Every structure is written in C-alpha cells, then in structure tokens.
Amino acid sequence: ISDAQKNSLKGAIVGVLGNHKDGRSRTDIAGQMGDDVLATIGVKRDELANKLRQPLGELVDDHKIHTVGEKRLMRYHVGPKK
C-alpha cells in the first residue's frame, strides 16, 4: 500500500467513524466504505479489511481515533480516548 493510499484510507476511516458514535469494528469500517471511494483509492474490496490494519494503527498512535475492547470485540471510535 502506498503512502497516498494509506492517507486516503485514513481520511475514509475517520469519515466512517465520524458518522457512527457507537464505534465500528475493522470489518464494519470496511463495509461502510463505498465502491466509489475504493476505486478512487485503488484498493479492492476483498483486500480492504487487511489493508486497514496499518492505517488504523497509525490513527490510534496519532490519537485521532481510539479503541474499546480487545481482539475480536475491538471497536474503533473517532477522537482521542477520554
């Protein structure tokens, strides 16, 4: 994944999470992204959930999103942890 794709995915992730105050899992986030967004970014839908791992981790490290729960129950929320 290129830096441009990663940055585009980060923007799309924050956009999806901004619309869902109750948070979303990684697969839910992938499901919420439109085909037009994926075509613009250049990522195929069947690869998307795996390609989201690195951008999600970087967004957490940058305190733009935070997680609640562990492993399969983990949900991502927009904004820093309170």
C-alpha atoms as a PDB file:
ATOM      1  CA  ILE A   1       0.000   0.000   0.000  1.00  0.00           C
ATOM      2  CA  SER A   2       1.407   3.380  -0.974  1.00  0.00           C
ATOM      3  CA  ASP A   3       1.587   6.409   1.328  1.00  0.00           C
ATOM      4  CA  ALA A   4      -1.055   8.155  -0.785  1.00  0.00           C
ATOM      5  CA  GLN A   5      -3.408   5.159  -0.470  1.00  0.00           C
ATOM      6  CA  LYS A   6      -2.740   4.958   3.267  1.00  0.00           C
ATOM      7  CA  ASN A   7      -3.513   8.655   3.754  1.00  0.00           C
ATOM      8  CA  SER A   8      -6.700   8.321   1.707  1.00  0.00           C
ATOM      9  CA  LEU A   9      -7.754   5.310   3.773  1.00  0.00           C
ATOM     10  CA  LYS A  10      -7.105   7.269   6.981  1.00  0.00           C
ATOM     11  CA  GLY A  11      -9.429  10.021   5.780  1.00  0.00           C
ATOM     12  CA  ALA A  12     -12.101   7.500   4.829  1.00  0.00           C
ATOM     13  CA  ILE A  13     -11.784   5.738   8.212  1.00  0.00           C
ATOM     14  CA  VAL A  14     -12.225   8.982  10.155  1.00  0.00           C
ATOM     15  CA  GLY A  15     -15.209   9.822   7.936  1.00  0.00           C
ATOM     16  CA  VAL A  16     -16.891   6.479   8.604  1.00  0.00           C
ATOM     17  CA  LEU A  17     -16.257   6.659  12.346  1.00  0.00           C
ATOM     18  CA  GLY A  18     -17.492  10.256  12.496  1.00  0.00           C
ATOM     19  CA  ASN A  19     -20.896   9.032  11.328  1.00  0.00           C
ATOM     20  CA  HIS A  20     -21.077   6.246  13.954  1.00  0.00           C
ATOM     21  CA  LYS A  21     -20.744   7.467  17.520  1.00  0.00           C
ATOM     22  CA  ASP A  22     -21.100   3.907  18.868  1.00  0.00           C
ATOM     23  CA  GLY A  23     -17.898   2.837  17.068  1.00  0.00           C
ATOM     24  CA  ARG A  24     -17.222   0.225  14.431  1.00  0.00           C
ATOM     25  CA  SER A  25     -15.110  -2.919  14.061  1.00  0.00           C
ATOM     26  CA  ARG A  26     -12.473  -3.124  11.327  1.00  0.00           C
ATOM     27  CA  THR A  27     -14.759  -5.230   9.118  1.00  0.00           C
ATOM     28  CA  ASP A  28     -17.681  -2.844   9.752  1.00  0.00           C
ATOM     29  CA  ILE A  29     -15.480   0.078   8.688  1.00  0.00           C
ATOM     30  CA  ALA A  30     -14.536  -1.796   5.511  1.00  0.00           C
ATOM     31  CA  GLY A  31     -18.208  -2.497   4.788  1.00  0.00           C
ATOM     32  CA  GLN A  32     -19.158   1.169   5.183  1.00  0.00           C
ATOM     33  CA  MET A  33     -16.743   2.417   2.506  1.00  0.00           C
ATOM     34  CA  GLY A  34     -18.370   2.980  -0.848  1.00  0.00           C
ATOM     35  CA  ASP A  35     -17.179   1.405  -4.081  1.00  0.00           C
ATOM     36  CA  ASP A  36     -16.524   4.888  -5.495  1.00  0.00           C
ATOM     37  CA  VAL A  37     -14.154   5.648  -2.610  1.00  0.00           C
ATOM     38  CA  LEU A  38     -12.338   2.349  -3.083  1.00  0.00           C
ATOM     39  CA  ALA A  39     -11.979   2.953  -6.823  1.00  0.00           C
ATOM     40  CA  THR A  40     -10.503   6.401  -6.130  1.00  0.00           C
ATOM     41  CA  ILE A  41      -8.061   4.992  -3.566  1.00  0.00           C
ATOM     42  CA  GLY A  42      -7.207   1.988  -5.746  1.00  0.00           C
ATOM     43  CA  VAL A  43      -7.951  -0.785  -3.233  1.00  0.00           C
ATOM     44  CA  LYS A  44     -10.132  -3.818  -3.981  1.00  0.00           C
ATOM     45  CA  ARG A  45     -12.972  -4.583  -1.580  1.00  0.00           C
ATOM     46  CA  ASP A  46     -11.745  -8.130  -0.863  1.00  0.00           C
ATOM     47  CA  GLU A  47      -8.353  -6.731   0.244  1.00  0.00           C
ATOM     48  CA  LEU A  48      -9.746  -3.794   2.206  1.00  0.00           C
ATOM     49  CA  ALA A  49     -10.134  -5.267   5.711  1.00  0.00           C
ATOM     50  CA  ASN A  50      -6.487  -6.382   5.743  1.00  0.00           C
ATOM     51  CA  LYS A  51      -5.271  -3.107   4.233  1.00  0.00           C
ATOM     52  CA  LEU A  52      -6.993  -1.183   7.047  1.00  0.00           C
ATOM     53  CA  ARG A  53      -4.762  -2.629   9.789  1.00  0.00           C
ATOM     54  CA  GLN A  54      -1.813  -0.272   9.327  1.00  0.00           C
ATOM     55  CA  PRO A  55      -3.807   2.969   8.815  1.00  0.00           C
ATOM     56  CA  LEU A  56      -5.976   2.130  11.857  1.00  0.00           C
ATOM     57  CA  GLY A  57      -2.880   1.553  13.997  1.00  0.00           C
ATOM     58  CA  GLU A  58      -1.341   4.824  12.865  1.00  0.00           C
ATOM     59  CA  LEU A  59      -4.562   6.744  13.579  1.00  0.00           C
ATOM     60  CA  VAL A  60      -4.623   5.259  17.101  1.00  0.00           C
ATOM     61  CA  ASP A  61      -0.952   6.227  17.602  1.00  0.00           C
ATOM     62  CA  ASP A  62      -1.760   9.772  16.396  1.00  0.00           C
ATOM     63  CA  HIS A  63      -4.717   9.960  18.870  1.00  0.00           C
ATOM     64  CA  LYS A  64      -7.188  10.657  16.061  1.00  0.00           C
ATOM     65  CA  ILE A  65      -9.169   7.515  16.919  1.00  0.00           C
ATOM     66  CA  HIS A  66      -9.201   5.151  19.903  1.00  0.00           C
ATOM     67  CA  THR A  67     -10.170   1.565  20.599  1.00  0.00           C
ATOM     68  CA  VAL A  68     -12.529  -0.037  23.061  1.00  0.00           C
ATOM     69  CA  GLY A  69     -12.343  -3.779  23.771  1.00  0.00           C
ATOM     70  CA  GLU A  70      -9.869  -6.421  22.722  1.00  0.00           C
ATOM     71  CA  LYS A  71      -9.219  -8.645  19.695  1.00  0.00           C
ATOM     72  CA  ARG A  72     -12.464  -9.728  18.017  1.00  0.00           C
ATOM     73  CA  LEU A  73     -14.570  -7.427  20.170  1.00  0.00           C
ATOM     74  CA  MET A  74     -12.444  -4.350  19.451  1.00  0.00           C
ATOM     75  CA  ARG A  75     -14.278  -1.294  18.200  1.00  0.00           C
ATOM     76  CA  TYR A  76     -12.762   1.900  16.872  1.00  0.00           C
ATOM     77  CA  HIS A  77     -14.110   5.316  17.858  1.00  0.00           C
ATOM     78  CA  VAL A  78     -13.303   8.755  16.482  1.00  0.00           C
ATOM     79  CA  GLY A  79     -11.245  11.107  18.655  1.00  0.00           C
ATOM     80  CA  PRO A  80      -8.732  10.564  21.454  1.00  0.00           C
ATOM     81  CA  LYS A  81      -9.542   8.325  24.397  1.00  0.00           C
ATOM     82  CA  LYS A  82     -11.196  10.237  27.229  1.00  0.00           C
END
